[in-house]
C-alpha atoms as a PDB file:
ATOM      1  CA  UNK A   1       8.474 -15.027  -6.521  1.00  0.00           C
ATOM      2  CA  UNK A   2       8.436 -15.951 -10.200  1.00  0.00           C
ATOM      3  CA  UNK A   3      11.057 -14.008 -12.150  1.00  0.00           C
ATOM      4  CA  UNK A   4       8.634 -13.382 -15.004  1.00  0.00           C
ATOM      5  CA  UNK A   5       6.569 -11.230 -12.649  1.00  0.00           C
ATOM      6  CA  UNK A   6       9.486  -9.176 -11.275  1.00  0.00           C
ATOM      7  CA  UNK A   7       8.128  -6.028 -12.968  1.00  0.00           C
ATOM      8  CA  UNK A   8       4.759  -6.549 -11.274  1.00  0.00           C
ATOM      9  CA  UNK A   9       5.480  -7.327  -7.619  1.00  0.00           C
ATOM     10  CA  UNK A  10       8.053  -8.367  -5.030  1.00  0.00           C
ATOM     11  CA  UNK A  11       7.336 -10.692  -2.136  1.00  0.00           C
ATOM     12  CA  UNK A  12       9.525 -11.126   0.935  1.00  0.00           C
ATOM     13  CA  UNK A  13       9.265 -13.400   3.962  1.00  0.00           C
ATOM     14  CA  UNK A  14      11.288 -12.483   7.040  1.00  0.00           C
ATOM     15  CA  UNK A  15       9.756 -15.175   9.262  1.00  0.00           C
ATOM     16  CA  UNK A  16      12.478 -16.806  11.349  1.00  0.00           C
ATOM     17  CA  UNK A  17      10.026 -19.171  12.993  1.00  0.00           C
ATOM     18  CA  UNK A  18       8.381 -21.187  10.257  1.00  0.00           C
ATOM     19  CA  UNK A  19       5.313 -22.255  12.204  1.00  0.00           C
ATOM     20  CA  UNK A  20       4.248 -19.152  14.074  1.00  0.00           C
ATOM     21  CA  UNK A  21       0.592 -19.115  15.076  1.00  0.00           C
ATOM     22  CA  UNK A  22       0.114 -15.635  13.675  1.00  0.00           C
ATOM     23  CA  UNK A  23       1.554 -13.527  10.893  1.00  0.00           C
ATOM     24  CA  UNK A  24       1.225 -10.042   9.474  1.00  0.00           C
ATOM     25  CA  UNK A  25       1.267  -9.578   5.731  1.00  0.00           C
ATOM     26  CA  UNK A  26       2.209  -6.019   4.830  1.00  0.00           C
ATOM     27  CA  UNK A  27       0.859  -4.869   1.467  1.00  0.00           C
ATOM     28  CA  UNK A  28       2.071  -1.792  -0.365  1.00  0.00           C
ATOM     29  CA  UNK A  29       0.156  -1.001  -3.563  1.00  0.00           C
ATOM     30  CA  UNK A  30       2.055   2.203  -4.400  1.00  0.00           C
ATOM     31  CA  UNK A  31       5.592   1.026  -3.659  1.00  0.00           C
ATOM     32  CA  UNK A  32       7.167   1.937  -7.007  1.00  0.00           C
ATOM     33  CA  UNK A  33       7.302   4.769  -9.519  1.00  0.00           C
ATOM     34  CA  UNK A  34       8.637   2.472 -12.238  1.00  0.00           C
ATOM     35  CA  UNK A  35       7.226   3.129 -15.701  1.00  0.00           C
ATOM     36  CA  UNK A  36       8.573   0.797 -18.427  1.00  0.00           C
ATOM     37  CA  UNK A  37      10.417   2.516 -21.288  1.00  0.00           C
ATOM     38  CA  UNK A  38       7.741   1.520 -23.788  1.00  0.00           C
ATOM     39  CA  UNK A  39       5.319   3.902 -22.032  1.00  0.00           C
ATOM     40  CA  UNK A  40       7.633   6.911 -22.622  1.00  0.00           C
ATOM     41  CA  UNK A  41       7.108   8.164 -19.050  1.00  0.00           C
ATOM     42  CA  UNK A  42       3.426   8.649 -19.963  1.00  0.00           C
ATOM     43  CA  UNK A  43       4.449  12.090 -21.251  1.00  0.00           C
ATOM     44  CA  UNK A  44       5.736  13.222 -17.838  1.00  0.00           C
ATOM     45  CA  UNK A  45       9.158  14.491 -16.825  1.00  0.00           C
ATOM     46  CA  UNK A  46      11.442  12.759 -14.313  1.00  0.00           C
ATOM     47  CA  UNK A  47      10.589  15.218 -11.530  1.00  0.00           C
ATOM     48  CA  UNK A  48       6.871  14.442 -11.860  1.00  0.00           C
ATOM     49  CA  UNK A  49       7.458  10.682 -11.731  1.00  0.00           C
ATOM     50  CA  UNK A  50       9.647  10.996  -8.640  1.00  0.00           C
ATOM     51  CA  UNK A  51       6.988  13.076  -6.867  1.00  0.00           C
ATOM     52  CA  UNK A  52       3.934  11.819  -4.957  1.00  0.00           C
ATOM     53  CA  UNK A  53       1.920  11.411  -8.145  1.00  0.00           C
ATOM     54  CA  UNK A  54       4.159   8.511  -9.171  1.00  0.00           C
ATOM     55  CA  UNK A  55       4.223   6.633  -5.865  1.00  0.00           C
ATOM     56  CA  UNK A  56       3.955   6.912  -2.081  1.00  0.00           C
ATOM     57  CA  UNK A  57       7.267   8.479  -1.066  1.00  0.00           C
ATOM     58  CA  UNK A  58       9.169   6.848   1.798  1.00  0.00           C
ATOM     59  CA  UNK A  59       6.723   4.038   2.375  1.00  0.00           C
ATOM     60  CA  UNK A  60       8.574   1.271   0.487  1.00  0.00           C
ATOM     61  CA  UNK A  61      11.560   1.399   2.844  1.00  0.00           C
ATOM     62  CA  UNK A  62       9.138   1.824   5.735  1.00  0.00           C
ATOM     63  CA  UNK A  63       7.205  -1.321   4.764  1.00  0.00           C
ATOM     64  CA  UNK A  64      10.340  -3.427   4.375  1.00  0.00           C
ATOM     65  CA  UNK A  65      11.725  -2.163   7.678  1.00  0.00           C
ATOM     66  CA  UNK A  66       8.514  -2.976   9.548  1.00  0.00           C
ATOM     67  CA  UNK A  67       8.280  -6.453   8.007  1.00  0.00           C
ATOM     68  CA  UNK A  68      11.883  -7.201   9.026  1.00  0.00           C
ATOM     69  CA  UNK A  69      11.442  -5.864  12.573  1.00  0.00           C
ATOM     70  CA  UNK A  70       8.284  -7.917  13.048  1.00  0.00           C
ATOM     71  CA  UNK A  71       9.650 -10.991  11.240  1.00  0.00           C
ATOM     72  CA  UNK A  72       6.669 -10.879   8.912  1.00  0.00           C
ATOM     73  CA  UNK A  73       5.960 -10.875   5.183  1.00  0.00           C
ATOM     74  CA  UNK A  74       5.434  -8.092   2.666  1.00  0.00           C
ATOM     75  CA  UNK A  75       4.039  -7.813  -0.853  1.00  0.00           C
ATOM     76  CA  UNK A  76       5.074  -4.754  -2.876  1.00  0.00           C
ATOM     77  CA  UNK A  77       4.097  -3.400  -6.279  1.00  0.00           C
ATOM     78  CA  UNK A  78       6.920  -2.830  -8.789  1.00  0.00           C
ATOM     79  CA  UNK A  79       5.012  -0.538 -11.157  1.00  0.00           C
ATOM     80  CA  UNK A  80       3.716   3.012 -10.835  1.00  0.00           C
ATOM     81  CA  UNK A  81       0.077   3.616 -10.024  1.00  0.00           C
ATOM     82  CA  UNK A  82       0.094   5.883 -13.102  1.00  0.00           C
ATOM     83  CA  UNK A  83       0.186   2.728 -15.260  1.00  0.00           C
ATOM     84  CA  UNK A  84      -2.795   1.276 -13.404  1.00  0.00           C
ATOM     85  CA  UNK A  85      -3.714   1.636  -9.737  1.00  0.00           C
ATOM     86  CA  UNK A  86      -4.078  -1.724  -7.944  1.00  0.00           C
ATOM     87  CA  UNK A  87      -5.906  -0.006  -5.074  1.00  0.00           C
ATOM     88  CA  UNK A  88      -8.883   0.895  -7.250  1.00  0.00           C
ATOM     89  CA  UNK A  89     -11.892  -1.090  -8.386  1.00  0.00           C
ATOM     90  CA  UNK A  90     -11.863  -2.215 -11.991  1.00  0.00           C
ATOM     91  CA  UNK A  91     -14.582   0.289 -12.947  1.00  0.00           C
ATOM     92  CA  UNK A  92     -13.240   3.278 -10.960  1.00  0.00           C
ATOM     93  CA  UNK A  93     -12.718   6.407 -13.058  1.00  0.00           C
ATOM     94  CA  UNK A  94      -9.136   6.775 -11.761  1.00  0.00           C
ATOM     95  CA  UNK A  95      -8.067   3.152 -12.214  1.00  0.00           C
ATOM     96  CA  UNK A  96      -5.838   4.552 -14.975  1.00  0.00           C
ATOM     97  CA  UNK A  97      -5.646   8.214 -13.958  1.00  0.00           C
ATOM     98  CA  UNK A  98      -5.916  10.978 -16.532  1.00  0.00           C
ATOM     99  CA  UNK A  99      -4.948  13.456 -13.801  1.00  0.00           C
ATOM    100  CA  UNK A 100      -3.132  12.866 -10.545  1.00  0.00           C
ATOM    101  CA  UNK A 101      -3.070  15.475  -7.773  1.00  0.00           C
ATOM    102  CA  UNK A 102      -3.916  18.154 -10.343  1.00  0.00           C
ATOM    103  CA  UNK A 103      -1.292  17.033 -12.884  1.00  0.00           C
ATOM    104  CA  UNK A 104      -2.301  15.861 -16.369  1.00  0.00           C
ATOM    105  CA  UNK A 105      -1.026  12.432 -17.399  1.00  0.00           C
ATOM    106  CA  UNK A 106      -0.749  13.031 -21.182  1.00  0.00           C
ATOM    107  CA  UNK A 107      -0.552   9.434 -22.438  1.00  0.00           C
ATOM    108  CA  UNK A 108      -3.459   8.368 -20.224  1.00  0.00           C
ATOM    109  CA  UNK A 109      -5.858  11.055 -21.458  1.00  0.00           C
ATOM    110  CA  UNK A 110      -6.994   9.299 -24.637  1.00  0.00           C
ATOM    111  CA  UNK A 111      -6.171   5.722 -23.743  1.00  0.00           C
ATOM    112  CA  UNK A 112      -7.792   3.175 -26.054  1.00  0.00           C
ATOM    113  CA  UNK A 113      -9.990   0.318 -24.879  1.00  0.00           C
ATOM    114  CA  UNK A 114      -7.356  -2.195 -26.045  1.00  0.00           C
ATOM    115  CA  UNK A 115      -4.565  -0.460 -24.126  1.00  0.00           C
ATOM    116  CA  UNK A 116      -6.718  -0.233 -21.012  1.00  0.00           C
ATOM    117  CA  UNK A 117      -7.503  -3.956 -21.254  1.00  0.00           C
ATOM    118  CA  UNK A 118      -3.804  -4.770 -21.765  1.00  0.00           C
ATOM    119  CA  UNK A 119      -2.669  -2.842 -18.679  1.00  0.00           C
ATOM    120  CA  UNK A 120      -5.347  -4.448 -16.519  1.00  0.00           C
ATOM    121  CA  UNK A 121      -4.401  -7.923 -17.716  1.00  0.00           C
ATOM    122  CA  UNK A 122      -0.619  -7.394 -17.557  1.00  0.00           C
ATOM    123  CA  UNK A 123      -0.344  -5.532 -14.251  1.00  0.00           C
ATOM    124  CA  UNK A 124      -3.565  -5.323 -12.225  1.00  0.00           C
ATOM    125  CA  UNK A 125      -4.774  -8.904 -12.645  1.00  0.00           C
ATOM    126  CA  UNK A 126      -1.365 -10.502 -12.096  1.00  0.00           C
ATOM    127  CA  UNK A 127      -0.778  -8.368  -8.996  1.00  0.00           C
ATOM    128  CA  UNK A 128      -4.072  -9.338  -7.363  1.00  0.00           C
ATOM    129  CA  UNK A 129      -4.013 -12.990  -8.486  1.00  0.00           C
ATOM    130  CA  UNK A 130      -0.585 -13.563  -6.913  1.00  0.00           C
ATOM    131  CA  UNK A 131      -1.441 -11.674  -3.734  1.00  0.00           C
ATOM    132  CA  UNK A 132      -4.552 -13.831  -3.378  1.00  0.00           C
ATOM    133  CA  UNK A 133      -2.485 -17.016  -3.824  1.00  0.00           C
ATOM    134  CA  UNK A 134      -0.097 -15.955  -1.053  1.00  0.00           C
ATOM    135  CA  UNK A 135      -2.959 -15.172   1.322  1.00  0.00           C
ATOM    136  CA  UNK A 136      -4.652 -18.516   0.614  1.00  0.00           C
ATOM    137  CA  UNK A 137      -1.384 -20.422   1.081  1.00  0.00           C
ATOM    138  CA  UNK A 138      -0.661 -18.774   4.417  1.00  0.00           C
ATOM    139  CA  UNK A 139      -4.147 -19.516   5.697  1.00  0.00           C
ATOM    140  CA  UNK A 140      -3.960 -23.132   4.525  1.00  0.00           C
ATOM    141  CA  UNK A 141      -0.576 -23.413   6.293  1.00  0.00           C
ATOM    142  CA  UNK A 142      -2.347 -22.573   9.539  1.00  0.00           C
ATOM    143  CA  UNK A 143      -1.420 -18.936  10.000  1.00  0.00           C
ATOM    144  CA  UNK A 144      -3.819 -16.594  11.761  1.00  0.00           C
ATOM    145  CA  UNK A 145      -3.231 -13.925   9.148  1.00  0.00           C
ATOM    146  CA  UNK A 146      -3.793 -10.171   9.337  1.00  0.00           C
ATOM    147  CA  UNK A 147      -3.380  -7.773   6.401  1.00  0.00           C
ATOM    148  CA  UNK A 148      -1.737  -4.384   6.948  1.00  0.00           C
ATOM    149  CA  UNK A 149      -1.672  -2.006   3.993  1.00  0.00           C
ATOM    150  CA  UNK A 150       0.927   0.787   4.096  1.00  0.00           C
ATOM    151  CA  UNK A 151       0.673   4.144   2.296  1.00  0.00           C
ATOM    152  CA  UNK A 152       2.040   7.659   2.656  1.00  0.00           C
ATOM    153  CA  UNK A 153       0.353  11.039   2.158  1.00  0.00           C
ATOM    154  CA  UNK A 154       1.432  14.618   1.578  1.00  0.00           C
ATOM    155  CA  UNK A 155       1.619  17.289   4.285  1.00  0.00           C
ATOM    156  CA  UNK A 156      -0.829  19.473   2.353  1.00  0.00           C
ATOM    157  CA  UNK A 157      -3.256  19.042  -0.507  1.00  0.00           C
ATOM    158  CA  UNK A 158      -5.077  21.692  -2.539  1.00  0.00           C
ATOM    159  CA  UNK A 159      -3.832  24.384  -0.117  1.00  0.00           C
ATOM    160  CA  UNK A 160      -5.197  22.525   2.923  1.00  0.00           C
ATOM    161  CA  UNK A 161      -2.793  21.457   5.660  1.00  0.00           C
ATOM    162  CA  UNK A 162      -2.930  17.899   6.925  1.00  0.00           C
ATOM    163  CA  UNK A 163      -1.893  17.940  10.588  1.00  0.00           C
ATOM    164  CA  UNK A 164      -2.274  14.202  11.214  1.00  0.00           C
ATOM    165  CA  UNK A 165       0.968  12.256  11.421  1.00  0.00           C
ATOM    166  CA  UNK A 166      -0.711   8.926  10.794  1.00  0.00           C
ATOM    167  CA  UNK A 167      -4.065   7.989   9.313  1.00  0.00           C
ATOM    168  CA  UNK A 168      -5.896   4.731  10.044  1.00  0.00           C
ATOM    169  CA  UNK A 169      -8.237   3.679   7.233  1.00  0.00           C
ATOM    170  CA  UNK A 170     -10.887   1.010   7.404  1.00  0.00           C
ATOM    171  CA  UNK A 171     -14.161   0.074   5.787  1.00  0.00           C
ATOM    172  CA  UNK A 172     -16.172  -2.545   7.695  1.00  0.00           C
ATOM    173  CA  UNK A 173     -13.482  -4.030   9.923  1.00  0.00           C
ATOM    174  CA  UNK A 174     -12.498  -1.923  12.970  1.00  0.00           C
ATOM    175  CA  UNK A 175     -10.993  -4.765  15.013  1.00  0.00           C
ATOM    176  CA  UNK A 176      -7.383  -3.709  14.342  1.00  0.00           C
ATOM    177  CA  UNK A 177      -7.996   0.019  14.113  1.00  0.00           C
ATOM    178  CA  UNK A 178      -9.333   0.513  17.660  1.00  0.00           C
ATOM    179  CA  UNK A 179      -6.418  -1.010  19.611  1.00  0.00           C
ATOM    180  CA  UNK A 180      -3.805   0.578  17.324  1.00  0.00           C
ATOM    181  CA  UNK A 181      -5.438   3.984  17.634  1.00  0.00           C
ATOM    182  CA  UNK A 182      -5.425   3.663  21.443  1.00  0.00           C
ATOM    183  CA  UNK A 183      -1.714   2.761  21.531  1.00  0.00           C
ATOM    184  CA  UNK A 184      -0.741   5.591  19.179  1.00  0.00           C
ATOM    185  CA  UNK A 185      -2.734   8.180  21.130  1.00  0.00           C
ATOM    186  CA  UNK A 186      -0.933   7.041  24.275  1.00  0.00           C
ATOM    187  CA  UNK A 187       2.309   7.904  22.464  1.00  0.00           C
ATOM    188  CA  UNK A 188       0.895  11.399  21.739  1.00  0.00           C
ATOM    189  CA  UNK A 189       0.723  10.711  17.992  1.00  0.00           C
ATOM    190  CA  UNK A 190      -1.685  12.869  15.968  1.00  0.00           C
ATOM    191  CA  UNK A 191      -3.936  10.155  14.535  1.00  0.00           C
ATOM    192  CA  UNK A 192      -6.561  10.618  11.832  1.00  0.00           C
ATOM    193  CA  UNK A 193      -9.429   8.123  11.596  1.00  0.00           C
ATOM    194  CA  UNK A 194     -10.319   7.571   7.943  1.00  0.00           C
ATOM    195  CA  UNK A 195      -8.166  10.633   7.262  1.00  0.00           C
ATOM    196  CA  UNK A 196      -6.697  12.016   5.071  1.00  0.00           C
ATOM    197  CA  UNK A 197      -8.605   9.493   2.921  1.00  0.00           C
ATOM    198  CA  UNK A 198     -11.643   7.417   3.710  1.00  0.00           C
ATOM    199  CA  UNK A 199     -11.415   3.644   3.824  1.00  0.00           C
ATOM    200  CA  UNK A 200     -15.003   3.557   2.608  1.00  0.00           C
ATOM    201  CA  UNK A 201     -13.730   4.643  -0.828  1.00  0.00           C
ATOM    202  CA  UNK A 202      -9.974   3.968  -0.963  1.00  0.00           C
ATOM    203  CA  UNK A 203      -9.624   0.502   0.508  1.00  0.00           C
ATOM    204  CA  UNK A 204     -10.053  -1.722  -2.539  1.00  0.00           C
ATOM    205  CA  UNK A 205      -7.072  -4.046  -2.115  1.00  0.00           C
ATOM    206  CA  UNK A 206      -7.916  -4.877   1.495  1.00  0.00           C
ATOM    207  CA  UNK A 207     -11.652  -5.169   0.804  1.00  0.00           C
ATOM    208  CA  UNK A 208     -11.073  -7.450  -2.176  1.00  0.00           C
ATOM    209  CA  UNK A 209      -8.320  -9.593  -0.696  1.00  0.00           C
ATOM    210  CA  UNK A 210      -9.948 -10.069   2.720  1.00  0.00           C
ATOM    211  CA  UNK A 211     -13.504 -10.709   1.543  1.00  0.00           C
ATOM    212  CA  UNK A 212     -13.230 -14.398   0.614  1.00  0.00           C
ATOM    213  CA  UNK A 213     -11.270 -15.489   3.694  1.00  0.00           C
ATOM    214  CA  UNK A 214     -12.608 -12.868   6.137  1.00  0.00           C
ATOM    215  CA  UNK A 215      -9.090 -11.782   7.102  1.00  0.00           C
ATOM    216  CA  UNK A 216      -8.725  -8.923   9.593  1.00  0.00           C
ATOM    217  CA  UNK A 217      -7.193  -5.874   7.968  1.00  0.00           C
ATOM    218  CA  UNK A 218      -6.195  -2.239   8.335  1.00  0.00           C
ATOM    219  CA  UNK A 219      -4.644   0.465   6.166  1.00  0.00           C
ATOM    220  CA  UNK A 220      -2.014   2.776   7.683  1.00  0.00           C
ATOM    221  CA  UNK A 221      -1.179   6.120   6.073  1.00  0.00           C
ATOM    222  CA  UNK A 222       2.010   7.911   7.227  1.00  0.00           C
ATOM    223  CA  UNK A 223       2.720  11.540   6.351  1.00  0.00           C
ATOM    224  CA  UNK A 224       5.555  11.410   3.846  1.00  0.00           C
ATOM    225  CA  UNK A 225       7.632  14.292   5.236  1.00  0.00           C
ATOM    226  CA  UNK A 226       8.089  12.157   8.370  1.00  0.00           C
ATOM    227  CA  UNK A 227       9.571   9.175   6.490  1.00  0.00           C
ATOM    228  CA  UNK A 228      11.521  10.868   3.697  1.00  0.00           C
ATOM    229  CA  UNK A 229      14.914   9.846   5.115  1.00  0.00           C
ATOM    230  CA  UNK A 230      16.523   6.944   6.970  1.00  0.00           C
ATOM    231  CA  UNK A 231      16.227   8.638  10.369  1.00  0.00           C
ATOM    232  CA  UNK A 232      12.468   9.145   9.941  1.00  0.00           C
ATOM    233  CA  UNK A 233      11.916   5.616   8.679  1.00  0.00           C
ATOM    234  CA  UNK A 234      13.696   4.133  11.703  1.00  0.00           C
ATOM    235  CA  UNK A 235      11.798   6.423  14.093  1.00  0.00           C
ATOM    236  CA  UNK A 236       8.346   5.609  12.754  1.00  0.00           C
ATOM    237  CA  UNK A 237       9.104   1.908  12.339  1.00  0.00           C
ATOM    238  CA  UNK A 238       9.937   1.823  16.042  1.00  0.00           C
ATOM    239  CA  UNK A 239       6.769   3.765  16.899  1.00  0.00           C
ATOM    240  CA  UNK A 240       4.606   1.244  15.029  1.00  0.00           C
ATOM    241  CA  UNK A 241       6.547  -1.898  15.909  1.00  0.00           C
ATOM    242  CA  UNK A 242       5.240  -2.501  19.445  1.00  0.00           C
ATOM    243  CA  UNK A 243       1.523  -1.852  18.821  1.00  0.00           C
ATOM    244  CA  UNK A 244       1.635  -3.962  15.650  1.00  0.00           C
ATOM    245  CA  UNK A 245       3.456  -6.718  17.499  1.00  0.00           C
ATOM    246  CA  UNK A 246       0.333  -7.126  19.653  1.00  0.00           C
ATOM    247  CA  UNK A 247      -1.482  -8.325  16.520  1.00  0.00           C
ATOM    248  CA  UNK A 248       0.888 -11.312  16.357  1.00  0.00           C
ATOM    249  CA  UNK A 249      -0.083 -12.655  19.765  1.00  0.00           C
END
């Protein structure tokens, strides 16, 4: 990883065997709630930034733990989605959110065209350009690559409970979803299919990054109250480890 991009992303390889036939690349778009000082917290207080509006709680440690257990790779964002959301299309209304989960983002409300362009160029473009380079390199090195995006979601939203423990999101590719769903149901896990969000609308990073090279992919959402501490992270990493390991065969 180039040091000049340390505020944009982190990339880790835990592969002990250099020439494995297969590899998983874990991607976590909402891994950080970091907002550079120059943005003055976007007008928010510390509590807001540390909440779910700033990032996906618990899922950074979860992603790293899974990548280590499976001796795979992971690519993590180092900036808050409140700056710009890498899991949105460039023309999406919430690419730079003016509200997030009902909360106003004051310094995003009247963002200028120049500032919008700057954030896209400085964060969004660099994030996706470097992720694409890593994917291309792995494929050219002979890996049979699969992309797994990790996110977390809240137990309730807008006064509606979300009973699912895990959500599996996909758009056009169901090749990884079906076997993982089967294995999780066998473990008596409450699985949501394209819940609590739909992969038809909230799957940009995987859609964009897999399109050119036709890489198999899947997004996994884990309810954040289940992975808010070390005990939960270890438990759910172990639950997902074996079914995900099948994708490396």
